[in-house]
Protein backbone atom coordinates (compact mmCIF):
# COMPACT_ATOMS: atom_id res chain seq x y z
CA UNK A 1 -13.71 -50.18 230.54
CA UNK A 2 -12.85 -49.40 226.67
CA UNK A 3 -13.54 -45.39 225.65
CA UNK A 4 -14.16 -44.96 222.20
CA UNK A 5 -13.63 -41.50 219.96
CA UNK A 6 -16.93 -40.20 219.77
CA UNK A 7 -16.69 -39.32 216.15
CA UNK A 8 -15.30 -42.66 215.03
CA UNK A 9 -14.93 -46.19 216.76
CA UNK A 10 -11.85 -46.29 217.44
CA UNK A 11 -10.77 -47.44 221.17
CA UNK A 12 -8.12 -45.66 223.22
CA UNK A 13 -5.97 -48.35 223.52
CA UNK A 14 -4.49 -48.05 220.24
CA UNK A 15 -0.85 -47.19 220.26
CA UNK A 16 -0.22 -43.71 219.89
CA UNK A 17 -4.08 -42.39 219.63
CA UNK A 18 -5.14 -39.94 221.92
CA UNK A 19 -8.70 -38.54 222.44
CA UNK A 20 -8.87 -35.12 223.24
CA UNK A 21 -11.42 -33.77 226.13
CA UNK A 22 -14.10 -33.25 223.34
CA UNK A 23 -14.12 -36.98 223.17
CA UNK A 24 -12.17 -37.16 219.42
CA UNK A 25 -9.15 -38.99 218.93
CA UNK A 26 -6.07 -37.25 216.85
CA UNK A 27 -6.83 -39.34 213.19
CA UNK A 28 -10.46 -37.85 213.46
CA UNK A 29 -8.45 -34.28 214.09
CA UNK A 30 -5.88 -35.39 211.38
CA UNK A 31 -8.52 -35.72 208.57
CA UNK A 32 -10.21 -32.24 209.83
CA UNK A 33 -6.63 -30.87 209.13
CA UNK A 34 -6.72 -31.93 205.91
CA UNK A 35 -9.35 -29.45 204.67
CA UNK A 36 -6.98 -26.87 205.13
CA UNK A 37 -4.34 -27.94 202.94
CA UNK A 38 -2.99 -26.77 199.60
CA UNK A 39 -3.09 -29.68 197.67
CA UNK A 40 -2.00 -27.68 194.72
CA UNK A 41 0.38 -26.46 196.74
CA UNK A 42 1.54 -29.76 198.09
CA UNK A 43 1.68 -31.19 194.40
CA UNK A 44 4.11 -28.72 193.57
CA UNK A 45 6.29 -29.57 196.44
CA UNK A 46 6.23 -33.13 195.38
CA UNK A 47 7.25 -31.98 191.75
CA UNK A 48 9.97 -30.14 193.29
CA UNK A 49 11.60 -32.94 195.44
CA UNK A 50 11.25 -35.35 192.42
CA UNK A 51 12.75 -32.96 189.78
CA UNK A 52 15.89 -33.06 192.21
CA UNK A 53 16.02 -37.02 192.25
CA UNK A 54 15.30 -37.55 188.55
CA UNK A 55 18.40 -39.28 186.52
CA UNK A 56 16.95 -38.62 182.66
CA UNK A 57 17.77 -41.89 181.69
CA UNK A 58 21.37 -42.68 183.63
CA UNK A 59 19.69 -44.78 186.38
CA UNK A 60 16.05 -45.24 188.20
CA UNK A 61 14.81 -42.07 189.25
CA UNK A 62 13.58 -43.50 192.59
CA UNK A 63 12.57 -47.12 194.24
CA UNK A 64 8.63 -47.93 195.00
CA UNK A 65 8.21 -50.29 197.65
CA UNK A 66 5.69 -52.50 196.42
CA UNK A 67 3.49 -55.50 197.79
CA UNK A 68 1.35 -55.55 194.67
CA UNK A 69 -1.78 -54.33 196.97
CA UNK A 70 -4.05 -51.40 196.03
CA UNK A 71 -1.76 -48.76 197.43
CA UNK A 72 1.60 -49.42 196.07
CA UNK A 73 -0.18 -50.40 192.93
CA UNK A 74 -1.76 -46.46 192.85
CA UNK A 75 1.85 -45.76 194.18
CA UNK A 76 3.31 -46.89 190.52
CA UNK A 77 0.52 -45.72 188.74
CA UNK A 78 1.47 -42.02 190.13
CA UNK A 79 5.10 -42.16 189.39
CA UNK A 80 4.46 -43.16 186.08
CA UNK A 81 1.79 -40.44 185.39
CA UNK A 82 4.79 -37.95 186.59
CA UNK A 83 7.03 -38.95 183.97
CA UNK A 84 9.60 -41.19 186.33
CA UNK A 85 11.29 -44.32 185.85
CA UNK A 86 10.70 -46.28 189.08
CA UNK A 87 12.61 -49.67 190.60
CA UNK A 88 9.71 -51.52 191.85
CA UNK A 89 11.22 -53.67 194.82
CA UNK A 90 8.94 -56.48 196.38
CA UNK A 91 10.00 -57.95 199.88
CA UNK A 92 7.56 -61.35 199.55
CA UNK A 93 4.81 -61.75 201.97
CA UNK A 94 5.36 -64.62 203.90
CA UNK A 95 2.54 -66.90 202.59
CA UNK A 96 1.70 -65.47 199.29
CA UNK A 97 -1.63 -66.07 197.94
CA UNK A 98 -3.00 -66.86 194.33
CA UNK A 99 -4.47 -63.11 194.27
CA UNK A 100 -1.65 -61.72 195.69
CA UNK A 101 0.62 -63.19 192.92
CA UNK A 102 -1.69 -61.93 190.47
CA UNK A 103 -1.60 -58.49 191.61
CA UNK A 104 2.32 -58.63 191.36
CA UNK A 105 2.14 -59.70 188.19
CA UNK A 106 0.12 -56.91 187.27
CA UNK A 107 2.01 -53.99 188.33
CA UNK A 108 4.87 -55.87 186.34
CA UNK A 109 2.34 -55.03 183.50
CA UNK A 110 2.05 -51.46 184.09
CA UNK A 111 5.22 -50.94 182.12
CA UNK A 112 8.11 -51.16 185.23
CA UNK A 113 11.31 -52.58 185.99
CA UNK A 114 10.87 -54.73 188.93
CA UNK A 115 12.93 -56.72 191.84
CA UNK A 116 11.44 -59.40 194.06
CA UNK A 117 13.32 -60.72 196.76
CA UNK A 118 11.86 -63.86 198.83
CA UNK A 119 14.12 -64.55 202.21
CA UNK A 120 15.04 -67.94 202.74
CA UNK A 121 11.28 -69.35 203.46
CA UNK A 122 12.95 -71.64 206.51
CA UNK A 123 14.17 -69.06 208.50
CA UNK A 124 11.25 -67.03 207.91
CA UNK A 125 9.05 -69.96 209.49
CA UNK A 126 11.10 -69.99 212.11
CA UNK A 127 11.00 -66.19 212.53
CA UNK A 128 7.42 -66.24 212.31
CA UNK A 129 6.89 -68.68 214.95
CA UNK A 130 9.48 -66.76 217.12
CA UNK A 131 7.54 -63.68 216.47
CA UNK A 132 4.25 -65.31 217.47
CA UNK A 133 5.45 -66.81 220.51
CA UNK A 134 7.65 -63.85 221.97
CA UNK A 135 5.74 -60.56 220.71
CA UNK A 136 2.31 -61.99 219.36
CA UNK A 137 3.28 -61.14 215.94
CA UNK A 138 3.40 -63.72 213.11
CA UNK A 139 4.27 -61.12 210.76
CA UNK A 140 7.11 -59.84 212.51
CA UNK A 141 9.78 -60.65 209.93
CA UNK A 142 7.14 -59.63 206.73
CA UNK A 143 7.10 -56.39 208.71
CA UNK A 144 10.88 -55.72 209.20
CA UNK A 145 11.25 -56.81 205.91
CA UNK A 146 8.94 -54.71 203.74
CA UNK A 147 11.25 -51.82 205.34
CA UNK A 148 14.40 -53.35 205.09
CA UNK A 149 14.54 -55.02 201.66
CA UNK A 150 13.83 -51.86 199.17
CA UNK A 151 16.30 -49.79 201.69
CA UNK A 152 19.26 -52.75 200.67
CA UNK A 153 18.14 -52.49 197.18
CA UNK A 154 18.29 -48.44 197.25
CA UNK A 155 22.12 -48.94 198.40
CA UNK A 156 22.62 -51.70 195.99
CA UNK A 157 21.36 -50.14 192.94
CA UNK A 158 22.52 -46.62 194.07
CA UNK A 159 19.15 -44.85 193.73
CA UNK A 160 18.84 -42.63 196.72
CA UNK A 161 14.96 -41.74 196.44
CA UNK A 162 12.04 -44.32 197.99
CA UNK A 163 8.85 -43.39 197.41
CA UNK A 164 6.78 -44.70 200.12
CA UNK A 165 3.11 -44.51 200.35
CA UNK A 166 0.72 -43.28 203.52
CA UNK A 167 2.68 -41.09 206.25
CA UNK A 168 1.90 -43.22 209.44
CA UNK A 169 2.34 -39.93 211.59
CA UNK A 170 0.08 -37.63 208.97
CA UNK A 171 2.65 -34.99 209.81
CA UNK A 172 5.49 -34.41 207.34
CA UNK A 173 6.66 -35.54 203.71
CA UNK A 174 9.87 -37.44 204.88
CA UNK A 175 13.66 -36.67 205.09
CA UNK A 176 13.48 -36.10 201.25
CA UNK A 177 11.68 -33.05 201.97
CA UNK A 178 13.81 -31.41 204.66
CA UNK A 179 16.44 -28.71 203.24
CA UNK A 180 19.26 -29.95 204.98
CA UNK A 181 20.06 -33.10 206.58
CA UNK A 182 17.71 -35.29 204.28
CA UNK A 183 19.36 -38.70 204.45
CA UNK A 184 17.52 -41.75 206.02
CA UNK A 185 19.08 -42.78 209.08
CA UNK A 186 19.06 -45.93 210.87
CA UNK A 187 17.27 -44.52 213.62
CA UNK A 188 14.65 -43.08 211.48
CA UNK A 189 14.17 -46.28 209.89
CA UNK A 190 13.59 -48.31 212.97
CA UNK A 191 10.91 -45.77 214.08
CA UNK A 192 8.82 -46.28 211.23
CA UNK A 193 10.03 -50.47 211.06
CA UNK A 194 7.88 -51.92 213.66
CA UNK A 195 10.68 -53.92 215.36
CA UNK A 196 8.04 -53.89 218.65
CA UNK A 197 10.93 -53.89 220.33
CA UNK A 198 12.71 -57.42 219.20
CA UNK A 199 15.95 -56.46 217.35
CA UNK A 200 17.26 -58.50 214.79
CA UNK A 201 20.55 -58.81 216.62
CA UNK A 202 18.81 -60.82 219.80
CA UNK A 203 17.82 -63.40 217.23
CA UNK A 204 21.60 -64.33 216.91
CA UNK A 205 21.83 -64.53 220.55
CA UNK A 206 18.49 -66.09 222.01
CA UNK A 207 17.54 -67.97 219.37
CA UNK A 208 20.81 -69.24 217.23
CA UNK A 209 20.19 -68.05 213.87
CA UNK A 210 23.24 -67.41 212.48
CA UNK A 211 24.06 -64.03 211.24
CA UNK A 212 24.44 -64.62 207.31
CA UNK A 213 20.68 -65.78 207.69
CA UNK A 214 19.17 -62.52 209.06
CA UNK A 215 21.12 -60.53 206.00
CA UNK A 216 17.67 -59.12 204.63
CA UNK A 217 16.06 -58.58 207.80
CA UNK A 218 19.29 -55.81 208.92
CA UNK A 219 19.05 -51.90 207.56
CA UNK A 220 22.80 -50.99 205.67
CA UNK A 221 24.83 -49.23 207.98
CA UNK A 222 24.71 -45.30 208.35
CA UNK A 223 27.51 -45.01 206.56
CA UNK A 224 26.20 -46.91 203.21
CA UNK A 225 22.72 -44.95 203.44
CA UNK A 226 24.80 -41.48 203.42
CA UNK A 227 27.15 -42.53 200.78
CA UNK A 228 24.20 -43.01 198.55
CA UNK A 229 22.60 -40.52 199.85
CA UNK A 230 19.10 -42.53 200.46
CA UNK A 231 16.21 -40.33 201.49
CA UNK A 232 12.62 -41.07 201.45
CA UNK A 233 9.46 -39.34 201.45
CA UNK A 234 5.63 -40.21 201.88
CA UNK A 235 3.04 -40.13 198.83
CA UNK A 236 0.84 -39.44 201.04
CA UNK A 237 1.71 -36.35 202.95
CA UNK A 238 1.84 -34.87 199.06
CA UNK A 239 -1.25 -36.58 197.48
CA UNK A 240 -4.61 -36.46 199.55
CA UNK A 241 -4.55 -40.24 200.81
CA UNK A 242 -7.76 -42.29 200.62
CA UNK A 243 -7.73 -45.98 200.35
CA UNK A 244 -10.71 -46.60 198.76
CA UNK A 245 -9.97 -44.06 195.96
CA UNK A 246 -6.71 -45.94 195.91
CA UNK A 247 -8.38 -49.24 195.13
CA UNK A 248 -10.56 -47.53 192.43
CA UNK A 249 -7.58 -46.40 190.21
CA UNK A 250 -5.70 -49.34 190.82
CA UNK A 251 -8.76 -51.91 189.75
CA UNK A 252 -9.33 -49.82 186.64
CA UNK A 253 -5.23 -50.75 185.99
CA UNK A 254 -5.94 -54.50 186.76
CA UNK A 255 -5.63 -54.69 190.14
CA UNK A 256 -7.69 -58.22 191.19
CA UNK A 257 -9.69 -58.03 194.59
CA UNK A 258 -11.58 -60.76 196.85
CA UNK A 259 -14.85 -62.03 195.91
CA UNK A 260 -16.16 -61.10 198.99
CA UNK A 261 -15.58 -59.29 202.19
CA UNK A 262 -12.08 -60.30 203.51
CA UNK A 263 -12.25 -62.67 206.85
CA UNK A 264 -12.33 -60.22 209.75
CA UNK A 265 -12.91 -57.02 207.49
CA UNK A 266 -15.76 -55.14 205.71
CA UNK A 267 -13.72 -54.92 202.30
CA UNK A 268 -12.45 -56.84 199.52
CA UNK A 269 -10.06 -54.47 198.46
CA UNK A 270 -7.30 -54.90 201.15
CA UNK A 271 -5.03 -56.98 202.67
CA UNK A 272 -5.07 -59.89 199.92
CA UNK A 273 -1.57 -60.90 199.51
CA UNK A 274 -0.50 -63.04 202.57
CA UNK A 275 -2.80 -65.86 204.18
CA UNK A 276 -0.79 -65.26 207.61
CA UNK A 277 -2.63 -61.60 207.68
CA UNK A 278 -5.68 -63.06 209.58
CA UNK A 279 -3.68 -64.27 212.00
CA UNK A 280 -1.71 -60.93 212.60
CA UNK A 281 -5.06 -58.80 212.69
CA UNK A 282 -6.47 -61.16 215.51
CA UNK A 283 -3.80 -60.55 217.56
CA UNK A 284 -4.20 -57.17 217.34
CA UNK A 285 -7.73 -57.65 218.56
CA UNK A 286 -6.51 -59.72 221.41
CA UNK A 287 -4.14 -57.06 222.45
CA UNK A 288 -6.06 -53.85 221.91
CA UNK A 289 -9.77 -54.83 220.99
CA UNK A 290 -9.76 -53.86 217.53
CA UNK A 291 -8.68 -54.84 214.58
CA UNK A 292 -8.95 -54.66 210.53
CA UNK A 293 -12.42 -54.00 210.46
CA UNK A 294 -12.34 -51.42 213.24
CA UNK A 295 -9.54 -49.47 211.02
CA UNK A 296 -11.54 -49.33 207.56
CA UNK A 297 -14.89 -48.68 209.12
CA UNK A 298 -13.01 -45.44 210.81
CA UNK A 299 -11.46 -44.77 207.71
CA UNK A 300 -15.27 -44.54 206.31
CA UNK A 301 -16.84 -42.55 209.28
CA UNK A 302 -13.68 -40.21 208.73
CA UNK A 303 -14.83 -39.48 205.10
CA UNK A 304 -18.57 -39.50 205.67
CA UNK A 305 -19.28 -42.52 203.84
CA UNK A 306 -20.92 -44.25 206.78
CA UNK A 307 -22.21 -43.37 209.94
CA UNK A 308 -20.76 -43.76 213.34
CA UNK A 309 -23.49 -46.00 213.79
CA UNK A 310 -22.81 -47.87 210.97
CA UNK A 311 -19.28 -48.53 211.98
CA UNK A 312 -20.81 -50.19 215.56
CA UNK A 313 -22.85 -52.36 213.64
CA UNK A 314 -20.23 -53.68 211.29
CA UNK A 315 -17.58 -54.06 213.95
CA UNK A 316 -19.65 -56.10 216.56
CA UNK A 317 -20.32 -58.30 213.49
CA UNK A 318 -17.09 -58.80 211.97
CA UNK A 319 -14.27 -57.55 213.77
CA UNK A 320 -12.17 -59.71 215.80
CA UNK A 321 -13.50 -62.91 214.77
CA UNK A 322 -11.07 -66.15 215.50
CA UNK A 323 -9.13 -66.67 212.17
CA UNK A 324 -10.13 -69.87 211.39
CA UNK A 325 -9.57 -68.90 207.78
CA UNK A 326 -7.90 -66.47 205.32
CA UNK A 327 -8.58 -65.74 201.76
CA UNK A 328 -10.41 -69.09 201.94
CA UNK A 329 -7.21 -71.35 203.74
CA UNK A 330 -8.04 -73.12 206.81
CA UNK A 331 -5.91 -71.94 209.86
CA UNK A 332 -4.73 -75.78 210.44
CA UNK A 333 -2.49 -75.10 206.68
CA UNK A 334 -1.39 -71.34 207.86
CA UNK A 335 0.52 -72.89 210.99
CA UNK A 336 1.99 -75.59 208.82
CA UNK A 337 5.30 -74.41 208.06
CA UNK A 338 5.38 -72.78 211.89
CA UNK A 339 5.11 -76.78 212.82
CA UNK A 340 2.20 -75.49 215.18
CA UNK A 341 -1.13 -76.97 216.02
CA UNK A 342 -4.55 -75.05 216.48
CA UNK A 343 -4.23 -76.08 220.13
CA UNK A 344 -0.79 -74.54 220.44
CA UNK A 345 -2.35 -71.27 219.11
CA UNK A 346 -5.18 -71.05 221.34
CA UNK A 347 -2.67 -71.17 224.09
CA UNK A 348 -0.53 -68.29 222.55
CA UNK A 349 -3.71 -66.57 221.88
CA UNK A 350 -4.80 -66.52 225.86
CA UNK A 351 -1.79 -65.39 226.62
CA UNK A 352 -1.52 -62.33 224.54
CA UNK A 353 -4.99 -61.49 225.43
CA UNK A 354 -5.85 -58.51 227.27
CA UNK A 355 -8.22 -59.83 229.87
CA UNK A 356 -9.48 -56.50 231.19
CA UNK A 357 -11.44 -56.00 227.76
CA UNK A 358 -13.02 -59.30 226.90
CA UNK A 359 -15.82 -60.91 229.19
CA UNK A 360 -15.04 -63.59 231.73
CA UNK A 361 -16.40 -66.10 233.59
CA UNK A 362 -17.35 -66.00 237.18
CA UNK A 363 -13.91 -68.10 237.95
CA UNK A 364 -12.15 -65.29 235.74
CA UNK A 365 -11.50 -67.55 232.35
CA UNK A 366 -12.13 -65.73 229.10
CA UNK A 367 -16.19 -66.81 227.74
CA UNK A 368 -15.68 -67.59 224.29
CA UNK A 369 -18.88 -68.94 221.87
CA UNK A 370 -18.77 -72.07 220.02
CA UNK A 371 -16.98 -70.30 217.34
CA UNK A 372 -13.73 -69.47 219.53
CA UNK A 373 -14.67 -65.62 219.65
CA UNK A 374 -14.71 -63.26 222.34
CA UNK A 375 -16.72 -60.74 223.54
CA UNK A 376 -15.39 -57.38 224.26
CA UNK A 377 -17.25 -55.63 227.37
CA UNK A 378 -18.35 -52.41 225.86
CA UNK A 379 -18.29 -51.71 222.36
CA UNK A 380 -19.13 -47.88 222.95
CA UNK A 381 -18.81 -45.56 225.51
CA UNK A 382 -22.58 -46.12 226.93
């Protein structure tokens, strides 16, 4: 049985989620604690940290990793409002959508210098397939690249400060806020960089991909990081972070949304840049029993925008559907660069499905409806 937070609808299977003796998850507790934060003081702390790294025209003040999404658009807007001269760095997504391209171009129009890095697409397609087959994550190379490419740019352009967005742990501001030893280390990067236990070095040994083709996925050495003094801060530690308000601010500054709620989601303003995202999110559902609609519904429940009952109904209707399309692109076309058929893809799906949390028939086989959708054994604690 899946156990759910009694305040939101997140199941206990989410990695790093803890549900306390009152049945409330640590993510809900974290939002609770935000009410006690002195945000004016945090804003002053942000100004103090930024002032330390301001270059006064001799170089860029900071690097902002950007995808063109609502959050990175918001990050750029805030840095410009604070008078900084950011260098925006994009590690291009694996299957860039038309709307994703529009939003990248929109960030440039905000008035920033911009570097876009596109890894070798033939190598990346191989890595997409390896990631999907080995760890059940088609987006493995992308999730590595969004951390490695901005850090490599920081070293290459000699810009110490990287301004990340939301703090994944919601606990601290990142190494830039430390009074001493504030340089990023390889260990710190790998903690946040989503390697899922598959090291880049393994790819050369196990799959024969030459090391020279893996440069975009490798962090600079600790010596290079220390030479430049590369450090990072999480903007979400200093400013009250909220995806919806970020989207509204981004939209007011030219950010474009999808024309309907994105497949497998409940909103039209998130995860718009990569056609492979539907597959990535679907595997989260197969492994852990929740996906994008649950994520977003929980965010809105925690901020009292919708009720828990609303969230339950939304999740049951929209979460974890088989990804036949994403942003309107059919799955056959999405799988084409991987040289994979839909039948082969379904076999991989079944391999990674946690069969303890989905309904099965008398013979123990997974029950699927005519669209290939699974049904969880329970959607709430009752």
